[in-house]
Amino acid sequence: MVGAVCCRVDTSEPNTRRLYIMTLGCLASYRRLGIGTKMVEHILDYVTNKDSNFDSIFLHVQINNEDAIEFYKKFGFEIIETRKNYYKRIEPPDAHVLSKNLKKN
């Protein structure tokens, strides 16, 4: 295995169903080969064609992880919030919350 993604359904907000990307990773020697893109495309295909009852997709990214932030922005994710002290064992501990709206307004 060279990459993996793990998601869960989040219903913590009333009348809202979101998909949370808990983790998405690829071994360093396999990065920039399109594997991460394929994983995100698979998620987007799922929430578009197989289960379209999601309002949005969201995830956390460490504030200094510019590569990951730019990666997700390519798919239409936006920074909607910054959480102070989100991470307990890494520096910096702050995380951006990135979200992609799936509902047509």
PDB file of N, CA and C in Angstrom:
ATOM      1  N   MET A   1       0.839  -1.161   0.000  1.00  0.00           N
ATOM      2  CA  MET A   1       0.000   0.000   0.000  1.00  0.00           C
ATOM      3  C   MET A   1       0.897   1.240   0.000  1.00  0.00           C
ATOM      4  N   VAL A   2       0.554   2.201  -0.855  1.00  0.00           N
ATOM      5  CA  VAL A   2       1.346   3.427  -0.938  1.00  0.00           C
ATOM      6  C   VAL A   2       0.569   4.654  -0.487  1.00  0.00           C
ATOM      7  N   GLY A   3      -0.746   4.519  -0.328  1.00  0.00           N
ATOM      8  CA  GLY A   3      -1.565   5.639   0.111  1.00  0.00           C
ATOM      9  C   GLY A   3      -2.855   5.143   0.720  1.00  0.00           C
ATOM     10  N   ALA A   4      -3.454   5.998   1.528  1.00  0.00           N
ATOM     11  CA  ALA A   4      -4.720   5.630   2.161  1.00  0.00           C
ATOM     12  C   ALA A   4      -5.498   6.886   2.514  1.00  0.00           C
ATOM     13  N   VAL A   5      -6.805   6.715   2.583  1.00  0.00           N
ATOM     14  CA  VAL A   5      -7.686   7.793   3.019  1.00  0.00           C
ATOM     15  C   VAL A   5      -8.743   7.184   3.932  1.00  0.00           C
ATOM     16  N   CYS A   6      -9.100   7.932   4.966  1.00  0.00           N
ATOM     17  CA  CYS A   6     -10.128   7.477   5.899  1.00  0.00           C
ATOM     18  C   CYS A   6     -11.091   8.642   6.134  1.00  0.00           C
ATOM     19  N   CYS A   7     -12.382   8.374   5.955  1.00  0.00           N
ATOM     20  CA  CYS A   7     -13.408   9.400   6.126  1.00  0.00           C
ATOM     21  C   CYS A   7     -14.491   8.887   7.062  1.00  0.00           C
ATOM     22  N   ARG A   8     -15.281   9.820   7.581  1.00  0.00           N
ATOM     23  CA  ARG A   8     -16.450   9.435   8.373  1.00  0.00           C
ATOM     24  C   ARG A   8     -17.556  10.459   8.142  1.00  0.00           C
ATOM     25  N   VAL A   9     -18.769  10.016   8.363  1.00  0.00           N
ATOM     26  CA  VAL A   9     -19.921  10.906   8.260  1.00  0.00           C
ATOM     27  C   VAL A   9     -20.017  11.709   9.549  1.00  0.00           C
ATOM     28  N   ASP A  10     -20.172  13.020   9.414  1.00  0.00           N
ATOM     29  CA  ASP A  10     -20.287  13.907  10.566  1.00  0.00           C
ATOM     30  C   ASP A  10     -21.692  14.513  10.581  1.00  0.00           C
ATOM     31  N   THR A  11     -22.411  14.282  11.657  1.00  0.00           N
ATOM     32  CA  THR A  11     -23.753  14.855  11.821  1.00  0.00           C
ATOM     33  C   THR A  11     -23.825  15.677  13.109  1.00  0.00           C
ATOM     34  N   SER A  12     -22.710  16.262  13.498  1.00  0.00           N
ATOM     35  CA  SER A  12     -22.660  17.006  14.761  1.00  0.00           C
ATOM     36  C   SER A  12     -23.438  18.318  14.709  1.00  0.00           C
ATOM     37  N   GLU A  13     -23.644  18.859  13.522  1.00  0.00           N
ATOM     38  CA  GLU A  13     -24.441  20.076  13.389  1.00  0.00           C
ATOM     39  C   GLU A  13     -25.862  19.694  12.997  1.00  0.00           C
ATOM     40  N   PRO A  14     -26.866  20.294  13.629  1.00  0.00           N
ATOM     41  CA  PRO A  14     -28.256  19.942  13.322  1.00  0.00           C
ATOM     42  C   PRO A  14     -28.593  20.131  11.838  1.00  0.00           C
ATOM     43  N   ASN A  15     -29.323  19.192  11.290  1.00  0.00           N
ATOM     44  CA  ASN A  15     -29.796  19.245   9.902  1.00  0.00           C
ATOM     45  C   ASN A  15     -28.673  19.363   8.881  1.00  0.00           C
ATOM     46  N   THR A  16     -27.498  18.906   9.237  1.00  0.00           N
ATOM     47  CA  THR A  16     -26.349  18.978   8.335  1.00  0.00           C
ATOM     48  C   THR A  16     -25.650  17.628   8.307  1.00  0.00           C
ATOM     49  N   ARG A  17     -25.332  17.189   7.114  1.00  0.00           N
ATOM     50  CA  ARG A  17     -24.610  15.918   6.938  1.00  0.00           C
ATOM     51  C   ARG A  17     -23.333  16.231   6.166  1.00  0.00           C
ATOM     52  N   ARG A  18     -22.207  16.063   6.841  1.00  0.00           N
ATOM     53  CA  ARG A  18     -20.921  16.387   6.227  1.00  0.00           C
ATOM     54  C   ARG A  18     -20.039  15.147   6.199  1.00  0.00           C
ATOM     55  N   LEU A  19     -19.117  15.123   5.247  1.00  0.00           N
ATOM     56  CA  LEU A  19     -18.113  14.062   5.205  1.00  0.00           C
ATOM     57  C   LEU A  19     -16.813  14.650   5.739  1.00  0.00           C
ATOM     58  N   TYR A  20     -16.240  13.997   6.730  1.00  0.00           N
ATOM     59  CA  TYR A  20     -14.990  14.459   7.327  1.00  0.00           C
ATOM     60  C   TYR A  20     -13.853  13.576   6.843  1.00  0.00           C
ATOM     61  N   ILE A  21     -12.860  14.184   6.209  1.00  0.00           N
ATOM     62  CA  ILE A  21     -11.656  13.460   5.809  1.00  0.00           C
ATOM     63  C   ILE A  21     -10.753  13.430   7.037  1.00  0.00           C
ATOM     64  N   MET A  22     -10.706  12.274   7.684  1.00  0.00           N
ATOM     65  CA  MET A  22      -9.929  12.126   8.913  1.00  0.00           C
ATOM     66  C   MET A  22      -8.435  12.119   8.615  1.00  0.00           C
ATOM     67  N   THR A  23      -8.060  11.418   7.557  1.00  0.00           N
ATOM     68  CA  THR A  23      -6.657  11.362   7.157  1.00  0.00           C
ATOM     69  C   THR A  23      -6.563  10.996   5.688  1.00  0.00           C
ATOM     70  N   LEU A  24      -5.576  11.548   5.030  1.00  0.00           N
ATOM     71  CA  LEU A  24      -5.259  11.210   3.649  1.00  0.00           C
ATOM     72  C   LEU A  24      -3.750  11.303   3.538  1.00  0.00           C
ATOM     73  N   GLY A  25      -3.134  10.218   3.123  1.00  0.00           N
ATOM     74  CA  GLY A  25      -1.677  10.225   3.058  1.00  0.00           C
ATOM     75  C   GLY A  25      -1.137   9.321   1.984  1.00  0.00           C
ATOM     76  N   CYS A  26       0.074   9.632   1.575  1.00  0.00           N
ATOM     77  CA  CYS A  26       0.769   8.865   0.547  1.00  0.00           C
ATOM     78  C   CYS A  26       2.246   8.801   0.945  1.00  0.00           C
ATOM     79  N   LEU A  27       2.847   7.640   0.767  1.00  0.00           N
ATOM     80  CA  LEU A  27       4.274   7.512   1.071  1.00  0.00           C
ATOM     81  C   LEU A  27       5.067   8.560   0.297  1.00  0.00           C
ATOM     82  N   ALA A  28       6.068   9.126   0.951  1.00  0.00           N
ATOM     83  CA  ALA A  28       6.838  10.228   0.364  1.00  0.00           C
ATOM     84  C   ALA A  28       7.393   9.894  -1.013  1.00  0.00           C
ATOM     85  N   SER A  29       7.893   8.682  -1.202  1.00  0.00           N
ATOM     86  CA  SER A  29       8.497   8.332  -2.497  1.00  0.00           C
ATOM     87  C   SER A  29       7.464   8.182  -3.611  1.00  0.00           C
ATOM     88  N   TYR A  30       6.179   8.196  -3.268  1.00  0.00           N
ATOM     89  CA  TYR A  30       5.115   8.072  -4.273  1.00  0.00           C
ATOM     90  C   TYR A  30       4.326   9.368  -4.446  1.00  0.00           C
ATOM     91  N   ARG A  31       4.746  10.437  -3.799  1.00  0.00           N
ATOM     92  CA  ARG A  31       4.050  11.716  -3.928  1.00  0.00           C
ATOM     93  C   ARG A  31       4.338  12.342  -5.284  1.00  0.00           C
ATOM     94  N   ARG A  32       3.435  13.184  -5.695  1.00  0.00           N
ATOM     95  CA  ARG A  32       3.499  13.905  -6.974  1.00  0.00           C
ATOM     96  C   ARG A  32       3.368  12.973  -8.177  1.00  0.00           C
ATOM     97  N   LEU A  33       2.722  11.822  -7.935  1.00  0.00           N
ATOM     98  CA  LEU A  33       2.440  10.877  -9.023  1.00  0.00           C
ATOM     99  C   LEU A  33       0.936  10.782  -9.295  1.00  0.00           C
ATOM    100  N   GLY A  34       0.149  11.606  -8.631  1.00  0.00           N
ATOM    101  CA  GLY A  34      -1.290  11.618  -8.853  1.00  0.00           C
ATOM    102  C   GLY A  34      -2.089  10.712  -7.937  1.00  0.00           C
ATOM    103  N   ILE A  35      -1.429  10.070  -6.979  1.00  0.00           N
ATOM    104  CA  ILE A  35      -2.136   9.141  -6.090  1.00  0.00           C
ATOM    105  C   ILE A  35      -3.086   9.899  -5.156  1.00  0.00           C
ATOM    106  N   GLY A  36      -2.626  10.981  -4.566  1.00  0.00           N
ATOM    107  CA  GLY A  36      -3.492  11.793  -3.710  1.00  0.00           C
ATOM    108  C   GLY A  36      -4.665  12.365  -4.490  1.00  0.00           C
ATOM    109  N   THR A  37      -4.392  12.804  -5.705  1.00  0.00           N
ATOM    110  CA  THR A  37      -5.463  13.312  -6.571  1.00  0.00           C
ATOM    111  C   THR A  37      -6.507  12.240  -6.819  1.00  0.00           C
ATOM    112  N   LYS A  38      -6.074  11.023  -7.100  1.00  0.00           N
ATOM    113  CA  LYS A  38      -7.016   9.914  -7.326  1.00  0.00           C
ATOM    114  C   LYS A  38      -7.857   9.652  -6.083  1.00  0.00           C
ATOM    115  N   MET A  39      -7.248   9.739  -4.906  1.00  0.00           N
ATOM    116  CA  MET A  39      -8.001   9.505  -3.675  1.00  0.00           C
ATOM    117  C   MET A  39      -9.070  10.577  -3.475  1.00  0.00           C
ATOM    118  N   VAL A  40      -8.711  11.843  -3.686  1.00  0.00           N
ATOM    119  CA  VAL A  40      -9.698  12.917  -3.533  1.00  0.00           C
ATOM    120  C   VAL A  40     -10.772  12.797  -4.611  1.00  0.00           C
ATOM    121  N   GLU A  41     -10.381  12.480  -5.835  1.00  0.00           N
ATOM    122  CA  GLU A  41     -11.368  12.293  -6.906  1.00  0.00           C
ATOM    123  C   GLU A  41     -12.339  11.168  -6.562  1.00  0.00           C
ATOM    124  N   HIS A  42     -11.848  10.110  -5.937  1.00  0.00           N
ATOM    125  CA  HIS A  42     -12.717   9.009  -5.527  1.00  0.00           C
ATOM    126  C   HIS A  42     -13.739   9.488  -4.484  1.00  0.00           C
ATOM    127  N   ILE A  43     -13.283  10.287  -3.529  1.00  0.00           N
ATOM    128  CA  ILE A  43     -14.190  10.841  -2.522  1.00  0.00           C
ATOM    129  C   ILE A  43     -15.240  11.721  -3.193  1.00  0.00           C
ATOM    130  N   LEU A  44     -14.806  12.601  -4.089  1.00  0.00           N
ATOM    131  CA  LEU A  44     -15.738  13.501  -4.768  1.00  0.00           C
ATOM    132  C   LEU A  44     -16.733  12.727  -5.624  1.00  0.00           C
ATOM    133  N   ASP A  45     -16.274  11.661  -6.271  1.00  0.00           N
ATOM    134  CA  ASP A  45     -17.175  10.812  -7.053  1.00  0.00           C
ATOM    135  C   ASP A  45     -18.219  10.176  -6.137  1.00  0.00           C
ATOM    136  N   TYR A  46     -17.788   9.718  -4.993  1.00  0.00           N
ATOM    137  CA  TYR A  46     -18.710   9.079  -4.048  1.00  0.00           C
ATOM    138  C   TYR A  46     -19.796  10.050  -3.602  1.00  0.00           C
ATOM    139  N   VAL A  47     -19.411  11.256  -3.185  1.00  0.00           N
ATOM    140  CA  VAL A  47     -20.400  12.206  -2.667  1.00  0.00           C
ATOM    141  C   VAL A  47     -21.217  12.857  -3.778  1.00  0.00           C
ATOM    142  N   THR A  48     -20.794  12.706  -5.013  1.00  0.00           N
ATOM    143  CA  THR A  48     -21.541  13.254  -6.144  1.00  0.00           C
ATOM    144  C   THR A  48     -22.466  12.218  -6.764  1.00  0.00           C
ATOM    145  N   ASN A  49     -21.983  11.000  -6.933  1.00  0.00           N
ATOM    146  CA  ASN A  49     -22.723   9.994  -7.696  1.00  0.00           C
ATOM    147  C   ASN A  49     -23.311   8.849  -6.880  1.00  0.00           C
ATOM    148  N   LYS A  50     -22.746   8.543  -5.741  1.00  0.00           N
ATOM    149  CA  LYS A  50     -23.209   7.373  -4.988  1.00  0.00           C
ATOM    150  C   LYS A  50     -24.034   7.740  -3.760  1.00  0.00           C
ATOM    151  N   ASP A  51     -23.690   8.838  -3.106  1.00  0.00           N
ATOM    152  CA  ASP A  51     -24.423   9.295  -1.924  1.00  0.00           C
ATOM    153  C   ASP A  51     -24.400  10.815  -1.932  1.00  0.00           C
ATOM    154  N   SER A  52     -25.370  11.402  -2.582  1.00  0.00           N
ATOM    155  CA  SER A  52     -25.363  12.856  -2.789  1.00  0.00           C
ATOM    156  C   SER A  52     -26.083  13.622  -1.681  1.00  0.00           C
ATOM    157  N   ASN A  53     -26.241  13.022  -0.526  1.00  0.00           N
ATOM    158  CA  ASN A  53     -26.925  13.684   0.584  1.00  0.00           C
ATOM    159  C   ASN A  53     -25.983  14.425   1.525  1.00  0.00           C
ATOM    160  N   PHE A  54     -24.795  14.724   1.070  1.00  0.00           N
ATOM    161  CA  PHE A  54     -23.849  15.472   1.895  1.00  0.00           C
ATOM    162  C   PHE A  54     -23.954  16.959   1.583  1.00  0.00           C
ATOM    163  N   ASP A  55     -23.837  17.777   2.618  1.00  0.00           N
ATOM    164  CA  ASP A  55     -23.831  19.224   2.447  1.00  0.00           C
ATOM    165  C   ASP A  55     -22.436  19.741   2.117  1.00  0.00           C
ATOM    166  N   SER A  56     -21.418  19.080   2.688  1.00  0.00           N
ATOM    167  CA  SER A  56     -20.045  19.534   2.474  1.00  0.00           C
ATOM    168  C   SER A  56     -19.066  18.431   2.865  1.00  0.00           C
ATOM    169  N   ILE A  57     -17.814  18.685   2.516  1.00  0.00           N
ATOM    170  CA  ILE A  57     -16.686  17.846   2.935  1.00  0.00           C
ATOM    171  C   ILE A  57     -15.749  18.774   3.699  1.00  0.00           C
ATOM    172  N   PHE A  58     -15.180  18.293   4.803  1.00  0.00           N
ATOM    173  CA  PHE A  58     -14.236  19.147   5.522  1.00  0.00           C
ATOM    174  C   PHE A  58     -13.096  18.323   6.101  1.00  0.00           C
ATOM    175  N   LEU A  59     -12.031  19.024   6.477  1.00  0.00           N
ATOM    176  CA  LEU A  59     -10.839  18.389   7.026  1.00  0.00           C
ATOM    177  C   LEU A  59     -10.017  19.427   7.769  1.00  0.00           C
ATOM    178  N   HIS A  60      -9.035  18.955   8.513  1.00  0.00           N
ATOM    179  CA  HIS A  60      -8.096  19.832   9.210  1.00  0.00           C
ATOM    180  C   HIS A  60      -6.721  19.695   8.571  1.00  0.00           C
ATOM    181  N   VAL A  61      -6.018  20.818   8.471  1.00  0.00           N
ATOM    182  CA  VAL A  61      -4.650  20.833   7.947  1.00  0.00           C
ATOM    183  C   VAL A  61      -3.816  21.731   8.852  1.00  0.00           C
ATOM    184  N   GLN A  62      -2.645  21.257   9.217  1.00  0.00           N
ATOM    185  CA  GLN A  62      -1.740  22.062  10.034  1.00  0.00           C
ATOM    186  C   GLN A  62      -1.453  23.377   9.301  1.00  0.00           C
ATOM    187  N   ILE A  63      -1.443  24.491  10.024  1.00  0.00           N
ATOM    188  CA  ILE A  63      -1.379  25.813   9.394  1.00  0.00           C
ATOM    189  C   ILE A  63      -0.129  26.049   8.551  1.00  0.00           C
ATOM    190  N   ASN A  64       0.944  25.323   8.824  1.00  0.00           N
ATOM    191  CA  ASN A  64       2.170  25.529   8.048  1.00  0.00           C
ATOM    192  C   ASN A  64       2.331  24.516   6.911  1.00  0.00           C
ATOM    193  N   ASN A  65       1.326  23.686   6.671  1.00  0.00           N
ATOM    194  CA  ASN A  65       1.409  22.677   5.609  1.00  0.00           C
ATOM    195  C   ASN A  65       0.876  23.273   4.307  1.00  0.00           C
ATOM    196  N   GLU A  66       1.678  24.156   3.722  1.00  0.00           N
ATOM    197  CA  GLU A  66       1.257  24.885   2.528  1.00  0.00           C
ATOM    198  C   GLU A  66       0.993  23.961   1.341  1.00  0.00           C
ATOM    199  N   ASP A  67       1.771  22.884   1.211  1.00  0.00           N
ATOM    200  CA  ASP A  67       1.540  21.944   0.106  1.00  0.00           C
ATOM    201  C   ASP A  67       0.152  21.323   0.195  1.00  0.00           C
ATOM    202  N   ALA A  68      -0.242  20.897   1.387  1.00  0.00           N
ATOM    203  CA  ALA A  68      -1.563  20.278   1.558  1.00  0.00           C
ATOM    204  C   ALA A  68      -2.674  21.303   1.333  1.00  0.00           C
ATOM    205  N   ILE A  69      -2.488  22.505   1.832  1.00  0.00           N
ATOM    206  CA  ILE A  69      -3.505  23.547   1.657  1.00  0.00           C
ATOM    207  C   ILE A  69      -3.715  23.823   0.175  1.00  0.00           C
ATOM    208  N   GLU A  70      -2.635  23.989  -0.574  1.00  0.00           N
ATOM    209  CA  GLU A  70      -2.748  24.231  -2.019  1.00  0.00           C
ATOM    210  C   GLU A  70      -3.341  23.024  -2.737  1.00  0.00           C
ATOM    211  N   PHE A  71      -2.987  21.825  -2.310  1.00  0.00           N
ATOM    212  CA  PHE A  71      -3.532  20.600  -2.898  1.00  0.00           C
ATOM    213  C   PHE A  71      -5.058  20.600  -2.785  1.00  0.00           C
ATOM    214  N   TYR A  72      -5.582  20.839  -1.601  1.00  0.00           N
ATOM    215  CA  TYR A  72      -7.033  20.811  -1.415  1.00  0.00           C
ATOM    216  C   TYR A  72      -7.725  21.985  -2.104  1.00  0.00           C
ATOM    217  N   LYS A  73      -7.072  23.138  -2.169  1.00  0.00           N
ATOM    218  CA  LYS A  73      -7.662  24.287  -2.864  1.00  0.00           C
ATOM    219  C   LYS A  73      -7.886  23.979  -4.343  1.00  0.00           C
ATOM    220  N   LYS A  74      -7.044  23.128  -4.939  1.00  0.00           N
ATOM    221  CA  LYS A  74      -7.233  22.747  -6.349  1.00  0.00           C
ATOM    222  C   LYS A  74      -8.579  22.068  -6.569  1.00  0.00           C
ATOM    223  N   PHE A  75      -9.133  21.482  -5.523  1.00  0.00           N
ATOM    224  CA  PHE A  75     -10.411  20.776  -5.620  1.00  0.00           C
ATOM    225  C   PHE A  75     -11.584  21.630  -5.135  1.00  0.00           C
ATOM    226  N   GLY A  76     -11.325  22.891  -4.846  1.00  0.00           N
ATOM    227  CA  GLY A  76     -12.396  23.790  -4.434  1.00  0.00           C
ATOM    228  C   GLY A  76     -12.589  23.934  -2.937  1.00  0.00           C
ATOM    229  N   PHE A  77     -11.671  23.392  -2.146  1.00  0.00           N
ATOM    230  CA  PHE A  77     -11.746  23.567  -0.695  1.00  0.00           C
ATOM    231  C   PHE A  77     -11.296  24.980  -0.345  1.00  0.00           C
ATOM    232  N   GLU A  78     -11.887  25.529   0.707  1.00  0.00           N
ATOM    233  CA  GLU A  78     -11.533  26.862   1.185  1.00  0.00           C
ATOM    234  C   GLU A  78     -11.273  26.811   2.685  1.00  0.00           C
ATOM    235  N   ILE A  79     -10.368  27.662   3.151  1.00  0.00           N
ATOM    236  CA  ILE A  79     -10.144  27.788   4.594  1.00  0.00           C
ATOM    237  C   ILE A  79     -11.335  28.538   5.172  1.00  0.00           C
ATOM    238  N   ILE A  80     -12.023  27.911   6.127  1.00  0.00           N
ATOM    239  CA  ILE A  80     -13.199  28.556   6.721  1.00  0.00           C
ATOM    240  C   ILE A  80     -12.990  28.933   8.187  1.00  0.00           C
ATOM    241  N   GLU A  81     -11.921  28.414   8.765  1.00  0.00           N
ATOM    242  CA  GLU A  81     -11.701  28.633  10.197  1.00  0.00           C
ATOM    243  C   GLU A  81     -10.280  28.204  10.548  1.00  0.00           C
ATOM    244  N   THR A  82      -9.749  28.763  11.623  1.00  0.00           N
ATOM    245  CA  THR A  82      -8.480  28.300  12.179  1.00  0.00           C
ATOM    246  C   THR A  82      -8.733  27.901  13.627  1.00  0.00           C
ATOM    247  N   ARG A  83      -8.326  26.694  13.966  1.00  0.00           N
ATOM    248  CA  ARG A  83      -8.511  26.179  15.328  1.00  0.00           C
ATOM    249  C   ARG A  83      -7.183  26.255  16.072  1.00  0.00           C
ATOM    250  N   LYS A  84      -7.166  26.991  17.148  1.00  0.00           N
ATOM    251  CA  LYS A  84      -5.975  27.109  17.990  1.00  0.00           C
ATOM    252  C   LYS A  84      -5.783  25.823  18.791  1.00  0.00           C
ATOM    253  N   ASN A  85      -4.533  25.401  18.908  1.00  0.00           N
ATOM    254  CA  ASN A  85      -4.163  24.230  19.724  1.00  0.00           C
ATOM    255  C   ASN A  85      -4.945  22.969  19.367  1.00  0.00           C
ATOM    256  N   TYR A  86      -5.185  22.773  18.082  1.00  0.00           N
ATOM    257  CA  TYR A  86      -5.915  21.584  17.624  1.00  0.00           C
ATOM    258  C   TYR A  86      -5.074  20.321  17.812  1.00  0.00           C
ATOM    259  N   TYR A  87      -3.792  20.411  17.452  1.00  0.00           N
ATOM    260  CA  TYR A  87      -2.897  19.256  17.571  1.00  0.00           C
ATOM    261  C   TYR A  87      -2.202  19.287  18.923  1.00  0.00           C
ATOM    262  N   LYS A  88      -2.085  18.138  19.539  1.00  0.00           N
ATOM    263  CA  LYS A  88      -1.492  18.064  20.883  1.00  0.00           C
ATOM    264  C   LYS A  88       0.000  17.743  20.876  1.00  0.00           C
ATOM    265  N   ARG A  89       0.467  17.047  19.837  1.00  0.00           N
ATOM    266  CA  ARG A  89       1.855  16.556  19.866  1.00  0.00           C
ATOM    267  C   ARG A  89       2.738  17.077  18.733  1.00  0.00           C
ATOM    268  N   ILE A  90       2.258  18.050  17.970  1.00  0.00           N
ATOM    269  CA  ILE A  90       3.085  18.591  16.889  1.00  0.00           C
ATOM    270  C   ILE A  90       3.068  20.113  16.940  1.00  0.00           C
ATOM    271  N   GLU A  91       4.091  20.698  16.386  1.00  0.00           N
ATOM    272  CA  GLU A  91       4.223  22.151  16.321  1.00  0.00           C
ATOM    273  C   GLU A  91       4.229  22.596  14.869  1.00  0.00           C
ATOM    274  N   PRO A  92       3.578  23.674  14.536  1.00  0.00           N
ATOM    275  CA  PRO A  92       2.668  24.418  15.386  1.00  0.00           C
ATOM    276  C   PRO A  92       1.376  23.630  15.623  1.00  0.00           C
ATOM    277  N   PRO A  93       0.717  23.878  16.750  1.00  0.00           N
ATOM    278  CA  PRO A  93      -0.461  23.078  17.103  1.00  0.00           C
ATOM    279  C   PRO A  93      -1.761  23.526  16.431  1.00  0.00           C
ATOM    280  N   ASP A  94      -1.722  24.649  15.711  1.00  0.00           N
ATOM    281  CA  ASP A  94      -2.945  25.190  15.118  1.00  0.00           C
ATOM    282  C   ASP A  94      -3.267  24.518  13.785  1.00  0.00           C
ATOM    283  N   ALA A  95      -4.565  24.460  13.473  1.00  0.00           N
ATOM    284  CA  ALA A  95      -5.018  23.826  12.232  1.00  0.00           C
ATOM    285  C   ALA A  95      -6.033  24.712  11.528  1.00  0.00           C
ATOM    286  N   HIS A  96      -5.940  24.724  10.206  1.00  0.00           N
ATOM    287  CA  HIS A  96      -6.991  25.332   9.396  1.00  0.00           C
ATOM    288  C   HIS A  96      -8.064  24.282   9.175  1.00  0.00           C
ATOM    289  N   VAL A  97      -9.306  24.719   9.157  1.00  0.00           N
ATOM    290  CA  VAL A  97     -10.408  23.865   8.735  1.00  0.00           C
ATOM    291  C   VAL A  97     -10.685  24.236   7.284  1.00  0.00           C
ATOM    292  N   LEU A  98     -10.566  23.251   6.403  1.00  0.00           N
ATOM    293  CA  LEU A  98     -10.870  23.456   4.994  1.00  0.00           C
ATOM    294  C   LEU A  98     -12.188  22.773   4.690  1.00  0.00           C
ATOM    295  N   SER A  99     -13.002  23.411   3.869  1.00  0.00           N
ATOM    296  CA  SER A  99     -14.319  22.868   3.564  1.00  0.00           C
ATOM    297  C   SER A  99     -14.640  23.081   2.093  1.00  0.00           C
ATOM    298  N   LYS A 100     -15.411  22.153   1.563  1.00  0.00           N
ATOM    299  CA  LYS A 100     -15.921  22.268   0.190  1.00  0.00           C
ATOM    300  C   LYS A 100     -17.428  22.084   0.259  1.00  0.00           C
ATOM    301  N   ASN A 101     -18.159  23.121  -0.149  1.00  0.00           N
ATOM    302  CA  ASN A 101     -19.613  23.060  -0.161  1.00  0.00           C
ATOM    303  C   ASN A 101     -20.064  22.180  -1.324  1.00  0.00           C
ATOM    304  N   LEU A 102     -21.008  21.290  -1.063  1.00  0.00           N
ATOM    305  CA  LEU A 102     -21.496  20.381  -2.101  1.00  0.00           C
ATOM    306  C   LEU A 102     -22.911  20.701  -2.558  1.00  0.00           C
ATOM    307  N   LYS A 103     -23.605  21.556  -1.832  1.00  0.00           N
ATOM    308  CA  LYS A 103     -24.987  21.885  -2.180  1.00  0.00           C
ATOM    309  C   LYS A 103     -25.018  23.078  -3.122  1.00  0.00           C
ATOM    310  N   LYS A 104     -25.855  22.978  -4.109  1.00  0.00           N
ATOM    311  CA  LYS A 104     -26.045  24.095  -5.042  1.00  0.00           C
ATOM    312  C   LYS A 104     -26.922  25.139  -4.353  1.00  0.00           C
ATOM    313  N   ASN A 105     -26.497  26.390  -4.403  1.00  0.00           N
ATOM    314  CA  ASN A 105     -27.283  27.469  -3.768  1.00  0.00           C
ATOM    315  C   ASN A 105     -28.265  28.064  -4.742  1.00  0.00           C
TER     316      ASN A 105
END
